[in-house]
PDB file of all heavy atoms in Angstrom:
ATOM      1  N   ALA A   1     -11.251   3.109   2.664  1.00  0.00           N
ATOM      2  CA  ALA A   1      -9.957   3.033   1.850  1.00  0.00           C
ATOM      3  C   ALA A   1     -10.391   2.728   0.505  1.00  0.00           C
ATOM      4  O   ALA A   1      -9.743   3.259  -0.497  1.00  0.00           O
ATOM      5  CB  ALA A   1      -9.118   1.883   2.477  1.00  0.00           C
ATOM      6  N   VAL A   2     -11.367   1.864   0.216  1.00  0.00           N
ATOM      7  CA  VAL A   2     -11.672   1.680  -1.149  1.00  0.00           C
ATOM      8  C   VAL A   2     -12.344   2.836  -1.794  1.00  0.00           C
ATOM      9  O   VAL A   2     -12.131   3.154  -3.003  1.00  0.00           O
ATOM     10  CB  VAL A   2     -12.681   0.387  -1.179  1.00  0.00           C
ATOM     11  CG1 VAL A   2     -13.289   0.157  -2.656  1.00  0.00           C
ATOM     12  CG2 VAL A   2     -11.969  -0.866  -0.701  1.00  0.00           C
ATOM     13  N   ASP A   3     -13.176   3.504  -1.038  1.00  0.00           N
ATOM     14  CA  ASP A   3     -13.749   4.675  -1.598  1.00  0.00           C
ATOM     15  C   ASP A   3     -12.683   5.745  -1.947  1.00  0.00           C
ATOM     16  O   ASP A   3     -12.782   6.389  -3.061  1.00  0.00           O
ATOM     17  CB  ASP A   3     -14.762   5.373  -0.506  1.00  0.00           C
ATOM     18  CG  ASP A   3     -16.059   4.498  -0.525  1.00  0.00           C
ATOM     19  OD1 ASP A   3     -16.268   3.786  -1.315  1.00  0.00           O
ATOM     20  OD2 ASP A   3     -16.713   4.687   0.523  1.00  0.00           O
ATOM     21  N   ASP A   4     -11.648   5.929  -1.091  1.00  0.00           N
ATOM     22  CA  ASP A   4     -10.617   6.888  -1.336  1.00  0.00           C
ATOM     23  C   ASP A   4      -9.774   6.473  -2.542  1.00  0.00           C
ATOM     24  O   ASP A   4      -9.346   7.263  -3.272  1.00  0.00           O
ATOM     25  CB  ASP A   4      -9.712   7.010  -0.131  1.00  0.00           C
ATOM     26  CG  ASP A   4     -10.457   7.652   1.105  1.00  0.00           C
ATOM     27  OD1 ASP A   4     -11.571   8.379   0.806  1.00  0.00           O
ATOM     28  OD2 ASP A   4      -9.965   7.569   2.184  1.00  0.00           O
ATOM     29  N   LEU A   5      -9.431   5.278  -2.641  1.00  0.00           N
ATOM     30  CA  LEU A   5      -8.654   4.731  -3.760  1.00  0.00           C
ATOM     31  C   LEU A   5      -9.499   4.881  -5.058  1.00  0.00           C
ATOM     32  O   LEU A   5      -8.876   5.215  -6.147  1.00  0.00           O
ATOM     33  CB  LEU A   5      -8.321   3.303  -3.458  1.00  0.00           C
ATOM     34  CG  LEU A   5      -7.360   2.980  -2.442  1.00  0.00           C
ATOM     35  CD1 LEU A   5      -7.207   1.483  -2.143  1.00  0.00           C
ATOM     36  CD2 LEU A   5      -6.034   3.432  -2.701  1.00  0.00           C
ATOM     37  N   ARG A   6     -10.795   4.749  -5.053  1.00  0.00           N
ATOM     38  CA  ARG A   6     -11.602   5.017  -6.216  1.00  0.00           C
ATOM     39  C   ARG A   6     -11.495   6.409  -6.550  1.00  0.00           C
ATOM     40  O   ARG A   6     -11.485   6.817  -7.718  1.00  0.00           O
ATOM     41  CB  ARG A   6     -12.993   4.556  -5.982  1.00  0.00           C
ATOM     42  CG  ARG A   6     -13.161   3.109  -6.010  1.00  0.00           C
ATOM     43  CD  ARG A   6     -14.646   2.624  -5.744  1.00  0.00           C
ATOM     44  NE  ARG A   6     -14.839   1.216  -5.831  1.00  0.00           N
ATOM     45  CZ  ARG A   6     -15.728   0.471  -5.208  1.00  0.00           C
ATOM     46  NH1 ARG A   6     -16.544   1.064  -4.464  1.00  0.00           N
ATOM     47  NH2 ARG A   6     -15.764  -0.828  -5.380  1.00  0.00           N
ATOM     48  N   HIS A   7     -11.597   7.397  -5.587  1.00  0.00           N
ATOM     49  CA  HIS A   7     -11.583   8.804  -5.877  1.00  0.00           C
ATOM     50  C   HIS A   7     -10.246   9.172  -6.435  1.00  0.00           C
ATOM     51  O   HIS A   7     -10.149   9.939  -7.377  1.00  0.00           O
ATOM     52  CB  HIS A   7     -11.750   9.609  -4.566  1.00  0.00           C
ATOM     53  CG  HIS A   7     -11.417  11.086  -4.743  1.00  0.00           C
ATOM     54  ND1 HIS A   7     -12.326  11.969  -5.215  1.00  0.00           N
ATOM     55  CD2 HIS A   7     -10.391  11.881  -4.513  1.00  0.00           C
ATOM     56  CE1 HIS A   7     -11.822  13.132  -5.234  1.00  0.00           C
ATOM     57  NE2 HIS A   7     -10.675  13.129  -4.759  1.00  0.00           N
ATOM     58  N   TRP A   8      -9.184   8.478  -6.106  1.00  0.00           N
ATOM     59  CA  TRP A   8      -7.805   8.854  -6.637  1.00  0.00           C
ATOM     60  C   TRP A   8      -7.543   8.031  -7.889  1.00  0.00           C
ATOM     61  O   TRP A   8      -6.455   8.162  -8.622  1.00  0.00           O
ATOM     62  CB  TRP A   8      -6.799   8.337  -5.661  1.00  0.00           C
ATOM     63  CG  TRP A   8      -6.659   9.229  -4.389  1.00  0.00           C
ATOM     64  CD1 TRP A   8      -6.995  10.500  -4.232  1.00  0.00           C
ATOM     65  CD2 TRP A   8      -6.291   8.665  -2.975  1.00  0.00           C
ATOM     66  NE1 TRP A   8      -6.737  11.032  -2.953  1.00  0.00           N
ATOM     67  CE2 TRP A   8      -6.414   9.791  -2.200  1.00  0.00           C
ATOM     68  CE3 TRP A   8      -6.020   7.571  -2.437  1.00  0.00           C
ATOM     69  CZ2 TRP A   8      -6.118   9.715  -0.723  1.00  0.00           C
ATOM     70  CZ3 TRP A   8      -5.748   7.326  -1.174  1.00  0.00           C
ATOM     71  CH2 TRP A   8      -5.770   8.542  -0.323  1.00  0.00           C
ATOM     72  N   ARG A   9      -8.534   7.270  -8.366  1.00  0.00           N
ATOM     73  CA  ARG A   9      -8.357   6.324  -9.450  1.00  0.00           C
ATOM     74  C   ARG A   9      -7.107   5.404  -9.399  1.00  0.00           C
ATOM     75  O   ARG A   9      -6.290   5.384 -10.401  1.00  0.00           O
ATOM     76  CB  ARG A   9      -8.330   7.247 -10.806  1.00  0.00           C
ATOM     77  CG  ARG A   9      -9.611   7.974 -10.922  1.00  0.00           C
ATOM     78  CD  ARG A   9      -9.520   8.952 -12.058  1.00  0.00           C
ATOM     79  NE  ARG A   9     -10.758   9.782 -12.154  1.00  0.00           N
ATOM     80  CZ  ARG A   9     -10.938  10.831 -12.954  1.00  0.00           C
ATOM     81  NH1 ARG A   9      -9.955  10.969 -13.932  1.00  0.00           N
ATOM     82  NH2 ARG A   9     -11.982  11.491 -12.991  1.00  0.00           N
ATOM     83  N   ALA A  10      -6.903   4.877  -8.179  1.00  0.00           N
ATOM     84  CA  ALA A  10      -5.696   4.278  -7.937  1.00  0.00           C
ATOM     85  C   ALA A  10      -5.550   2.807  -8.687  1.00  0.00           C
ATOM     86  O   ALA A  10      -6.604   2.152  -8.816  1.00  0.00           O
ATOM     87  CB  ALA A  10      -5.531   3.940  -6.468  1.00  0.00           C
ATOM     88  N   ALA A  11      -4.519   2.564  -9.078  1.00  0.00           N
ATOM     89  CA  ALA A  11      -4.172   1.167  -9.629  1.00  0.00           C
ATOM     90  C   ALA A  11      -3.195   0.366  -8.765  1.00  0.00           C
ATOM     91  O   ALA A  11      -3.327  -0.788  -8.515  1.00  0.00           O
ATOM     92  CB  ALA A  11      -3.475   1.180 -11.008  1.00  0.00           C
ATOM     93  N   VAL A  12      -2.273   1.077  -8.093  1.00  0.00           N
ATOM     94  CA  VAL A  12      -1.277   0.463  -7.236  1.00  0.00           C
ATOM     95  C   VAL A  12      -0.881   1.446  -6.030  1.00  0.00           C
ATOM     96  O   VAL A  12      -0.818   2.678  -6.365  1.00  0.00           O
ATOM     97  CB  VAL A  12      -0.047  -0.032  -8.014  1.00  0.00           C
ATOM     98  CG1 VAL A  12       0.687   1.306  -8.530  1.00  0.00           C
ATOM     99  CG2 VAL A  12       0.998  -0.855  -7.211  1.00  0.00           C
ATOM    100  N   VAL A  13      -0.792   0.826  -4.962  1.00  0.00           N
ATOM    101  CA  VAL A  13      -0.286   1.677  -3.813  1.00  0.00           C
ATOM    102  C   VAL A  13       1.173   1.262  -3.465  1.00  0.00           C
ATOM    103  O   VAL A  13       1.447  -0.008  -3.493  1.00  0.00           O
ATOM    104  CB  VAL A  13      -1.129   1.347  -2.542  1.00  0.00           C
ATOM    105  CG1 VAL A  13      -0.571   2.144  -1.330  1.00  0.00           C
ATOM    106  CG2 VAL A  13      -2.600   1.788  -2.740  1.00  0.00           C
ATOM    107  N   VAL A  14       2.035   2.228  -3.340  1.00  0.00           N
ATOM    108  CA  VAL A  14       3.481   1.946  -3.205  1.00  0.00           C
ATOM    109  C   VAL A  14       4.096   2.598  -2.052  1.00  0.00           C
ATOM    110  O   VAL A  14       3.880   3.822  -1.810  1.00  0.00           O
ATOM    111  CB  VAL A  14       4.225   2.458  -4.538  1.00  0.00           C
ATOM    112  CG1 VAL A  14       5.719   2.024  -4.457  1.00  0.00           C
ATOM    113  CG2 VAL A  14       3.685   1.837  -5.835  1.00  0.00           C
ATOM    114  N   GLN A  15       4.772   1.840  -1.186  1.00  0.00           N
ATOM    115  CA  GLN A  15       5.503   2.414  -0.099  1.00  0.00           C
ATOM    116  C   GLN A  15       7.000   2.174  -0.091  1.00  0.00           C
ATOM    117  O   GLN A  15       7.513   1.085  -0.423  1.00  0.00           O
ATOM    118  CB  GLN A  15       5.117   1.801   1.163  1.00  0.00           C
ATOM    119  CG  GLN A  15       5.705   2.290   2.485  1.00  0.00           C
ATOM    120  CD  GLN A  15       5.602   1.342   3.724  1.00  0.00           C
ATOM    121  OE1 GLN A  15       5.156   0.166   3.465  1.00  0.00           O
ATOM    122  NE2 GLN A  15       5.723   1.905   4.799  1.00  0.00           N
ATOM    123  N   ALA A  16       7.941   3.313  -0.007  1.00  0.00           N
ATOM    124  CA  ALA A  16       9.303   3.116  -0.068  1.00  0.00           C
ATOM    125  C   ALA A  16       9.696   2.727   1.405  1.00  0.00           C
ATOM    126  O   ALA A  16       9.047   1.851   1.924  1.00  0.00           O
ATOM    127  CB  ALA A  16       9.900   4.356  -0.506  1.00  0.00           C
ATOM    128  N   VAL A  17      10.627   3.399   1.973  1.00  0.00           N
ATOM    129  CA  VAL A  17      11.029   3.087   3.325  1.00  0.00           C
ATOM    130  C   VAL A  17      11.063   4.353   4.116  1.00  0.00           C
ATOM    131  O   VAL A  17      12.063   4.785   4.486  1.00  0.00           O
ATOM    132  CB  VAL A  17      12.433   2.424   3.282  1.00  0.00           C
ATOM    133  CG1 VAL A  17      12.767   1.859   4.639  1.00  0.00           C
ATOM    134  CG2 VAL A  17      12.414   1.177   2.259  1.00  0.00           C
ATOM    135  N   PRO A  18       9.823   4.832   4.377  1.00  0.00           N
ATOM    136  CA  PRO A  18       9.839   6.028   5.171  1.00  0.00           C
ATOM    137  C   PRO A  18      10.093   5.933   6.726  1.00  0.00           C
ATOM    138  O   PRO A  18      10.268   4.600   7.137  1.00  0.00           O
ATOM    139  CB  PRO A  18       8.491   6.656   4.856  1.00  0.00           C
ATOM    140  CG  PRO A  18       7.568   5.410   4.744  1.00  0.00           C
ATOM    141  CD  PRO A  18       8.578   4.435   3.970  1.00  0.00           C
ATOM    142  N   ARG A  19      10.140   6.816   7.522  1.00  0.00           N
ATOM    143  CA  ARG A  19      10.159   6.712   8.835  1.00  0.00           C
ATOM    144  C   ARG A  19       8.933   5.960   9.355  1.00  0.00           C
ATOM    145  O   ARG A  19       7.837   6.114   8.970  1.00  0.00           O
ATOM    146  CB  ARG A  19      10.243   8.136   9.574  1.00  0.00           C
ATOM    147  CG  ARG A  19      10.274   8.060  11.137  1.00  0.00           C
ATOM    148  CD  ARG A  19      10.714   9.537  11.501  1.00  0.00           C
ATOM    149  NE  ARG A  19       9.767  10.525  10.974  1.00  0.00           N
ATOM    150  CZ  ARG A  19       8.833  10.999  11.734  1.00  0.00           C
ATOM    151  NH1 ARG A  19       8.702  10.788  12.955  1.00  0.00           N
ATOM    152  NH2 ARG A  19       8.084  12.006  11.249  1.00  0.00           N
ATOM    153  N   HIS A  20       9.166   4.972  10.367  1.00  0.00           N
ATOM    154  CA  HIS A  20       8.122   4.142  10.872  1.00  0.00           C
ATOM    155  C   HIS A  20       7.509   3.360   9.850  1.00  0.00           C
ATOM    156  O   HIS A  20       6.225   3.195   9.695  1.00  0.00           O
ATOM    157  CB  HIS A  20       7.003   4.999  11.650  1.00  0.00           C
ATOM    158  CG  HIS A  20       7.570   5.849  12.742  1.00  0.00           C
ATOM    159  ND1 HIS A  20       8.351   5.275  13.784  1.00  0.00           N
ATOM    160  CD2 HIS A  20       7.393   7.179  13.139  1.00  0.00           C
ATOM    161  CE1 HIS A  20       8.729   6.213  14.600  1.00  0.00           C
ATOM    162  NE2 HIS A  20       8.062   7.486  14.291  1.00  0.00           N
ATOM    163  N   SER A  21       8.232   2.883   8.928  1.00  0.00           N
ATOM    164  CA  SER A  21       7.719   2.236   7.698  1.00  0.00           C
ATOM    165  C   SER A  21       6.972   0.846   8.114  1.00  0.00           C
ATOM    166  O   SER A  21       5.936   0.639   7.348  1.00  0.00           O
ATOM    167  CB  SER A  21       8.794   1.949   6.721  1.00  0.00           C
ATOM    168  OG  SER A  21       9.682   0.938   7.220  1.00  0.00           O
ATOM    169  N   ASP A  22       7.452   0.168   9.095  1.00  0.00           N
ATOM    170  CA  ASP A  22       6.665  -1.079   9.439  1.00  0.00           C
ATOM    171  C   ASP A  22       5.291  -0.830   9.918  1.00  0.00           C
ATOM    172  O   ASP A  22       4.361  -1.563   9.557  1.00  0.00           O
ATOM    173  CB  ASP A  22       7.596  -1.886  10.503  1.00  0.00           C
ATOM    174  CG  ASP A  22       7.027  -3.252  10.686  1.00  0.00           C
ATOM    175  OD1 ASP A  22       7.008  -4.065   9.741  1.00  0.00           O
ATOM    176  OD2 ASP A  22       6.539  -3.455  11.809  1.00  0.00           O
ATOM    177  N   PRO A  23       5.035   0.177  10.761  1.00  0.00           N
ATOM    178  CA  PRO A  23       3.658   0.458  11.184  1.00  0.00           C
ATOM    179  C   PRO A  23       2.681   0.722   9.978  1.00  0.00           C
ATOM    180  O   PRO A  23       1.656   0.338   9.919  1.00  0.00           O
ATOM    181  CB  PRO A  23       3.821   1.525  12.155  1.00  0.00           C
ATOM    182  CG  PRO A  23       5.181   1.440  12.755  1.00  0.00           C
ATOM    183  CD  PRO A  23       6.055   0.824  11.731  1.00  0.00           C
ATOM    184  N   VAL A  24       3.276   1.603   9.086  1.00  0.00           N
ATOM    185  CA  VAL A  24       2.559   1.914   7.933  1.00  0.00           C
ATOM    186  C   VAL A  24       2.193   0.812   6.988  1.00  0.00           C
ATOM    187  O   VAL A  24       1.003   0.453   6.531  1.00  0.00           O
ATOM    188  CB  VAL A  24       3.349   3.035   7.092  1.00  0.00           C
ATOM    189  CG1 VAL A  24       2.524   3.279   5.807  1.00  0.00           C
ATOM    190  CG2 VAL A  24       3.476   4.270   7.763  1.00  0.00           C
ATOM    191  N   ARG A  25       3.278  -0.193   6.861  1.00  0.00           N
ATOM    192  CA  ARG A  25       3.078  -1.461   6.057  1.00  0.00           C
ATOM    193  C   ARG A  25       2.067  -2.253   6.734  1.00  0.00           C
ATOM    194  O   ARG A  25       1.085  -2.806   6.029  1.00  0.00           O
ATOM    195  CB  ARG A  25       4.365  -2.169   5.773  1.00  0.00           C
ATOM    196  CG  ARG A  25       4.089  -3.436   5.004  1.00  0.00           C
ATOM    197  CD  ARG A  25       5.507  -4.050   4.840  1.00  0.00           C
ATOM    198  NE  ARG A  25       6.077  -4.522   6.175  1.00  0.00           N
ATOM    199  CZ  ARG A  25       5.684  -5.617   6.845  1.00  0.00           C
ATOM    200  NH1 ARG A  25       4.727  -6.329   6.305  1.00  0.00           N
ATOM    201  NH2 ARG A  25       6.268  -5.868   7.959  1.00  0.00           N
ATOM    202  N   ARG A  26       2.106  -2.278   7.978  1.00  0.00           N
ATOM    203  CA  ARG A  26       1.216  -3.362   8.723  1.00  0.00           C
ATOM    204  C   ARG A  26      -0.304  -2.710   8.605  1.00  0.00           C
ATOM    205  O   ARG A  26      -1.236  -3.480   8.490  1.00  0.00           O
ATOM    206  CB  ARG A  26       1.528  -3.368  10.165  1.00  0.00           C
ATOM    207  CG  ARG A  26       2.756  -4.398  10.336  1.00  0.00           C
ATOM    208  CD  ARG A  26       3.473  -4.172  11.547  1.00  0.00           C
ATOM    209  NE  ARG A  26       2.659  -4.194  12.730  1.00  0.00           N
ATOM    210  CZ  ARG A  26       2.966  -3.815  14.029  1.00  0.00           C
ATOM    211  NH1 ARG A  26       4.213  -3.232  14.203  1.00  0.00           N
ATOM    212  NH2 ARG A  26       2.151  -3.973  15.134  1.00  0.00           N
ATOM    213  N   THR A  27      -0.376  -1.362   8.676  1.00  0.00           N
ATOM    214  CA  THR A  27      -1.724  -0.775   8.566  1.00  0.00           C
ATOM    215  C   THR A  27      -2.358  -0.930   7.212  1.00  0.00           C
ATOM    216  O   THR A  27      -3.512  -1.246   7.002  1.00  0.00           O
ATOM    217  CB  THR A  27      -1.673   0.726   8.895  1.00  0.00           C
ATOM    218  OG1 THR A  27      -1.051   0.956  10.171  1.00  0.00           O
ATOM    219  CG2 THR A  27      -3.039   1.345   8.795  1.00  0.00           C
ATOM    220  N   LEU A  28      -1.504  -0.812   6.165  1.00  0.00           N
ATOM    221  CA  LEU A  28      -1.875  -1.135   4.751  1.00  0.00           C
ATOM    222  C   LEU A  28      -2.321  -2.501   4.569  1.00  0.00           C
ATOM    223  O   LEU A  28      -3.237  -2.855   3.811  1.00  0.00           O
ATOM    224  CB  LEU A  28      -0.827  -0.618   3.725  1.00  0.00           C
ATOM    225  CG  LEU A  28      -0.636   0.797   3.471  1.00  0.00           C
ATOM    226  CD1 LEU A  28       0.563   1.079   2.853  1.00  0.00           C
ATOM    227  CD2 LEU A  28      -1.898   1.370   2.790  1.00  0.00           C
ATOM    228  N   ASP A  29      -1.471  -3.458   5.131  1.00  0.00           N
ATOM    229  CA  ASP A  29      -1.882  -4.866   5.059  1.00  0.00           C
ATOM    230  C   ASP A  29      -3.252  -5.123   5.757  1.00  0.00           C
ATOM    231  O   ASP A  29      -4.045  -5.872   5.160  1.00  0.00           O
ATOM    232  CB  ASP A  29      -0.913  -5.793   5.895  1.00  0.00           C
ATOM    233  CG  ASP A  29       0.425  -5.871   5.035  1.00  0.00           C
ATOM    234  OD1 ASP A  29       0.414  -5.635   3.834  1.00  0.00           O
ATOM    235  OD2 ASP A  29       1.463  -6.283   5.701  1.00  0.00           O
ATOM    236  N   ALA A  30      -3.491  -4.409   6.802  1.00  0.00           N
ATOM    237  CA  ALA A  30      -4.918  -4.624   7.412  1.00  0.00           C
ATOM    238  C   ALA A  30      -6.028  -3.938   6.574  1.00  0.00           C
ATOM    239  O   ALA A  30      -7.123  -4.433   6.586  1.00  0.00           O
ATOM    240  CB  ALA A  30      -4.877  -4.010   8.816  1.00  0.00           C
ATOM    241  N   LEU A  31      -5.609  -2.857   5.917  1.00  0.00           N
ATOM    242  CA  LEU A  31      -6.693  -2.253   5.040  1.00  0.00           C
ATOM    243  C   LEU A  31      -6.793  -2.909   3.651  1.00  0.00           C
ATOM    244  O   LEU A  31      -8.108  -3.080   3.215  1.00  0.00           O
ATOM    245  CB  LEU A  31      -6.187  -0.794   4.799  1.00  0.00           C
ATOM    246  CG  LEU A  31      -6.408   0.219   5.936  1.00  0.00           C
ATOM    247  CD1 LEU A  31      -5.645   1.573   5.522  1.00  0.00           C
ATOM    248  CD2 LEU A  31      -7.868   0.605   6.326  1.00  0.00           C
ATOM    249  N   LEU A  32      -5.728  -3.353   3.052  1.00  0.00           N
ATOM    250  CA  LEU A  32      -5.946  -3.760   1.642  1.00  0.00           C
ATOM    251  C   LEU A  32      -5.495  -5.346   1.496  1.00  0.00           C
ATOM    252  O   LEU A  32      -5.654  -5.734   0.429  1.00  0.00           O
ATOM    253  CB  LEU A  32      -4.912  -2.969   0.742  1.00  0.00           C
ATOM    254  CG  LEU A  32      -5.147  -1.453   0.891  1.00  0.00           C
ATOM    255  CD1 LEU A  32      -4.130  -0.733   0.122  1.00  0.00           C
ATOM    256  CD2 LEU A  32      -6.512  -1.023   0.442  1.00  0.00           C
ATOM    257  N   GLY A  33      -5.073  -5.978   2.557  1.00  0.00           N
ATOM    258  CA  GLY A  33      -4.467  -7.289   2.378  1.00  0.00           C
ATOM    259  C   GLY A  33      -2.979  -7.189   2.186  1.00  0.00           C
ATOM    260  O   GLY A  33      -2.402  -6.101   2.048  1.00  0.00           O
ATOM    261  N   PRO A  34      -2.360  -8.404   2.303  1.00  0.00           N
ATOM    262  CA  PRO A  34      -0.790  -8.431   2.276  1.00  0.00           C
ATOM    263  C   PRO A  34      -0.242  -7.778   1.058  1.00  0.00           C
ATOM    264  O   PRO A  34      -0.771  -8.063  -0.070  1.00  0.00           O
ATOM    265  CB  PRO A  34      -0.516  -9.894   2.364  1.00  0.00           C
ATOM    266  CG  PRO A  34      -1.847 -10.548   2.921  1.00  0.00           C
ATOM    267  CD  PRO A  34      -2.851  -9.667   2.441  1.00  0.00           C
ATOM    268  N   GLY A  35       0.732  -6.954   1.206  1.00  0.00           N
ATOM    269  CA  GLY A  35       1.470  -6.333   0.042  1.00  0.00           C
ATOM    270  C   GLY A  35       2.624  -7.370  -0.351  1.00  0.00           C
ATOM    271  O   GLY A  35       2.939  -8.209   0.194  1.00  0.00           O
ATOM    272  N   ARG A  36       3.290  -6.940  -1.488  1.00  0.00           N
ATOM    273  CA  ARG A  36       4.501  -7.648  -1.926  1.00  0.00           C
ATOM    274  C   ARG A  36       5.730  -6.678  -2.053  1.00  0.00           C
ATOM    275  O   ARG A  36       5.469  -5.596  -2.382  1.00  0.00           O
ATOM    276  CB  ARG A  36       4.242  -8.299  -3.304  1.00  0.00           C
ATOM    277  CG  ARG A  36       3.123  -9.377  -3.356  1.00  0.00           C
ATOM    278  CD  ARG A  36       3.096 -10.096  -4.629  1.00  0.00           C
ATOM    279  NE  ARG A  36       3.021  -9.244  -5.843  1.00  0.00           N
ATOM    280  CZ  ARG A  36       3.927  -9.124  -6.838  1.00  0.00           C
ATOM    281  NH1 ARG A  36       5.046  -9.907  -6.746  1.00  0.00           N
ATOM    282  NH2 ARG A  36       3.721  -8.414  -7.948  1.00  0.00           N
ATOM    283  N   GLU A  37       6.860  -7.228  -1.724  1.00  0.00           N
ATOM    284  CA  GLU A  37       8.092  -6.459  -1.891  1.00  0.00           C
ATOM    285  C   GLU A  37       8.626  -6.522  -3.266  1.00  0.00           C
ATOM    286  O   GLU A  37       9.006  -7.697  -3.769  1.00  0.00           O
ATOM    287  CB  GLU A  37       9.088  -6.753  -0.806  1.00  0.00           C
ATOM    288  CG  GLU A  37      10.299  -5.896  -0.845  1.00  0.00           C
ATOM    289  CD  GLU A  37      11.272  -6.239   0.298  1.00  0.00           C
ATOM    290  OE1 GLU A  37      10.961  -7.166   1.027  1.00  0.00           O
ATOM    291  OE2 GLU A  37      12.264  -5.442   0.396  1.00  0.00           O
ATOM    292  N   VAL A  38       8.552  -5.494  -4.087  1.00  0.00           N
ATOM    293  CA  VAL A  38       9.105  -5.550  -5.400  1.00  0.00           C
ATOM    294  C   VAL A  38      10.004  -4.329  -5.637  1.00  0.00           C
ATOM    295  O   VAL A  38       9.539  -3.138  -5.387  1.00  0.00           O
ATOM    296  CB  VAL A  38       7.886  -5.365  -6.418  1.00  0.00           C
ATOM    297  CG1 VAL A  38       8.385  -5.446  -7.834  1.00  0.00           C
ATOM    298  CG2 VAL A  38       6.938  -6.486  -6.160  1.00  0.00           C
ATOM    299  N   GLY A  39      11.165  -4.523  -6.121  1.00  0.00           N
ATOM    300  CA  GLY A  39      12.100  -3.437  -6.463  1.00  0.00           C
ATOM    301  C   GLY A  39      12.308  -2.496  -5.430  1.00  0.00           C
ATOM    302  O   GLY A  39      12.294  -1.217  -5.687  1.00  0.00           O
ATOM    303  N   GLY A  40      12.482  -2.876  -4.156  1.00  0.00           N
ATOM    304  CA  GLY A  40      12.795  -1.934  -3.105  1.00  0.00           C
ATOM    305  C   GLY A  40      11.621  -1.147  -2.534  1.00  0.00           C
ATOM    306  O   GLY A  40      11.841  -0.068  -2.036  1.00  0.00           O
ATOM    307  N   ALA A  41      10.462  -1.657  -2.894  1.00  0.00           N
ATOM    308  CA  ALA A  41       9.200  -1.024  -2.353  1.00  0.00           C
ATOM    309  C   ALA A  41       8.206  -2.133  -2.007  1.00  0.00           C
ATOM    310  O   ALA A  41       8.332  -3.248  -2.535  1.00  0.00           O
ATOM    311  CB  ALA A  41       8.651  -0.122  -3.415  1.00  0.00           C
ATOM    312  N   TRP A  42       7.352  -1.806  -1.040  1.00  0.00           N
ATOM    313  CA  TRP A  42       6.147  -2.615  -0.868  1.00  0.00           C
ATOM    314  C   TRP A  42       5.027  -2.093  -1.750  1.00  0.00           C
ATOM    315  O   TRP A  42       4.655  -0.878  -1.850  1.00  0.00           O
ATOM    316  CB  TRP A  42       5.667  -2.493   0.690  1.00  0.00           C
ATOM    317  CG  TRP A  42       6.611  -3.215   1.503  1.00  0.00           C
ATOM    318  CD1 TRP A  42       7.706  -2.750   2.323  1.00  0.00           C
ATOM    319  CD2 TRP A  42       6.508  -4.589   1.853  1.00  0.00           C
ATOM    320  NE1 TRP A  42       8.361  -3.848   2.956  1.00  0.00           N
ATOM    321  CE2 TRP A  42       7.511  -5.026   2.718  1.00  0.00           C
ATOM    322  CE3 TRP A  42       5.737  -5.670   1.327  1.00  0.00           C
ATOM    323  CZ2 TRP A  42       7.808  -6.203   3.227  1.00  0.00           C
ATOM    324  CZ3 TRP A  42       5.969  -6.959   1.841  1.00  0.00           C
ATOM    325  CH2 TRP A  42       6.969  -7.309   2.737  1.00  0.00           C
ATOM    326  N   VAL A  43       4.454  -3.121  -2.398  1.00  0.00           N
ATOM    327  CA  VAL A  43       3.344  -2.810  -3.439  1.00  0.00           C
ATOM    328  C   VAL A  43       2.095  -3.481  -3.179  1.00  0.00           C
ATOM    329  O   VAL A  43       2.035  -4.726  -2.815  1.00  0.00           O
ATOM    330  CB  VAL A  43       3.851  -3.397  -4.863  1.00  0.00           C
ATOM    331  CG1 VAL A  43       2.834  -3.178  -5.939  1.00  0.00           C
ATOM    332  CG2 VAL A  43       5.233  -2.518  -5.221  1.00  0.00           C
ATOM    333  N   TRP A  44       0.993  -2.795  -3.297  1.00  0.00           N
ATOM    334  CA  TRP A  44      -0.394  -3.335  -3.153  1.00  0.00           C
ATOM    335  C   TRP A  44      -1.095  -3.128  -4.496  1.00  0.00           C
ATOM    336  O   TRP A  44      -1.441  -1.905  -4.738  1.00  0.00           O
ATOM    337  CB  TRP A  44      -1.259  -2.690  -1.983  1.00  0.00           C
ATOM    338  CG  TRP A  44      -0.737  -3.076  -0.681  1.00  0.00           C
ATOM    339  CD1 TRP A  44      -1.161  -3.961   0.189  1.00  0.00           C
ATOM    340  CD2 TRP A  44       0.524  -2.420   0.027  1.00  0.00           C
ATOM    341  NE1 TRP A  44      -0.363  -3.966   1.438  1.00  0.00           N
ATOM    342  CE2 TRP A  44       0.684  -3.060   1.297  1.00  0.00           C
ATOM    343  CE3 TRP A  44       1.335  -1.438  -0.286  1.00  0.00           C
ATOM    344  CZ2 TRP A  44       1.693  -2.663   2.277  1.00  0.00           C
ATOM    345  CZ3 TRP A  44       2.412  -1.098   0.594  1.00  0.00           C
ATOM    346  CH2 TRP A  44       2.487  -1.709   1.882  1.00  0.00           C
ATOM    347  N   ASP A  45      -1.556  -4.168  -5.109  1.00  0.00           N
ATOM    348  CA  ASP A  45      -2.239  -4.060  -6.330  1.00  0.00           C
ATOM    349  C   ASP A  45      -3.755  -3.879  -5.994  1.00  0.00           C
ATOM    350  O   ASP A  45      -4.339  -4.904  -5.417  1.00  0.00           O
ATOM    351  CB  ASP A  45      -1.975  -5.288  -7.201  1.00  0.00           C
ATOM    352  CG  ASP A  45      -2.603  -5.283  -8.595  1.00  0.00           C
ATOM    353  OD1 ASP A  45      -3.408  -4.297  -8.792  1.00  0.00           O
ATOM    354  OD2 ASP A  45      -2.347  -6.054  -9.448  1.00  0.00           O
ATOM    355  N   VAL A  46      -4.307  -2.785  -6.414  1.00  0.00           N
ATOM    356  CA  VAL A  46      -5.736  -2.544  -5.886  1.00  0.00           C
ATOM    357  C   VAL A  46      -6.607  -2.398  -7.231  1.00  0.00           C
ATOM    358  O   VAL A  46      -7.755  -2.018  -6.896  1.00  0.00           O
ATOM    359  CB  VAL A  46      -5.666  -1.273  -5.045  1.00  0.00           C
ATOM    360  CG1 VAL A  46      -5.019  -1.359  -3.762  1.00  0.00           C
ATOM    361  CG2 VAL A  46      -5.262   0.026  -5.843  1.00  0.00           C
ATOM    362  N   ARG A  47      -6.184  -2.827  -8.195  1.00  0.00           N
ATOM    363  CA  ARG A  47      -6.993  -2.860  -9.429  1.00  0.00           C
ATOM    364  C   ARG A  47      -8.362  -3.501  -9.277  1.00  0.00           C
ATOM    365  O   ARG A  47      -9.358  -2.968  -9.699  1.00  0.00           O
ATOM    366  CB  ARG A  47      -6.294  -3.309 -10.605  1.00  0.00           C
ATOM    367  CG  ARG A  47      -5.141  -2.295 -11.180  1.00  0.00           C
ATOM    368  CD  ARG A  47      -4.298  -2.904 -12.337  1.00  0.00           C
ATOM    369  NE  ARG A  47      -3.568  -4.103 -11.781  1.00  0.00           N
ATOM    370  CZ  ARG A  47      -2.824  -4.758 -12.578  1.00  0.00           C
ATOM    371  NH1 ARG A  47      -2.728  -4.568 -13.898  1.00  0.00           N
ATOM    372  NH2 ARG A  47      -2.047  -5.794 -12.076  1.00  0.00           N
TER     373      ARG A  47
END
């Protein structure tokens, strides 16, 4: 995940509320650590 984020030059990962959003959020928490809910989205600061 870190390698892929570096390839994308990512600063922040953002999830709205797609189908099966809770499983996606839990997977991201396991990959990147706990996210924060900000402005109607889950946000992972990966800088």
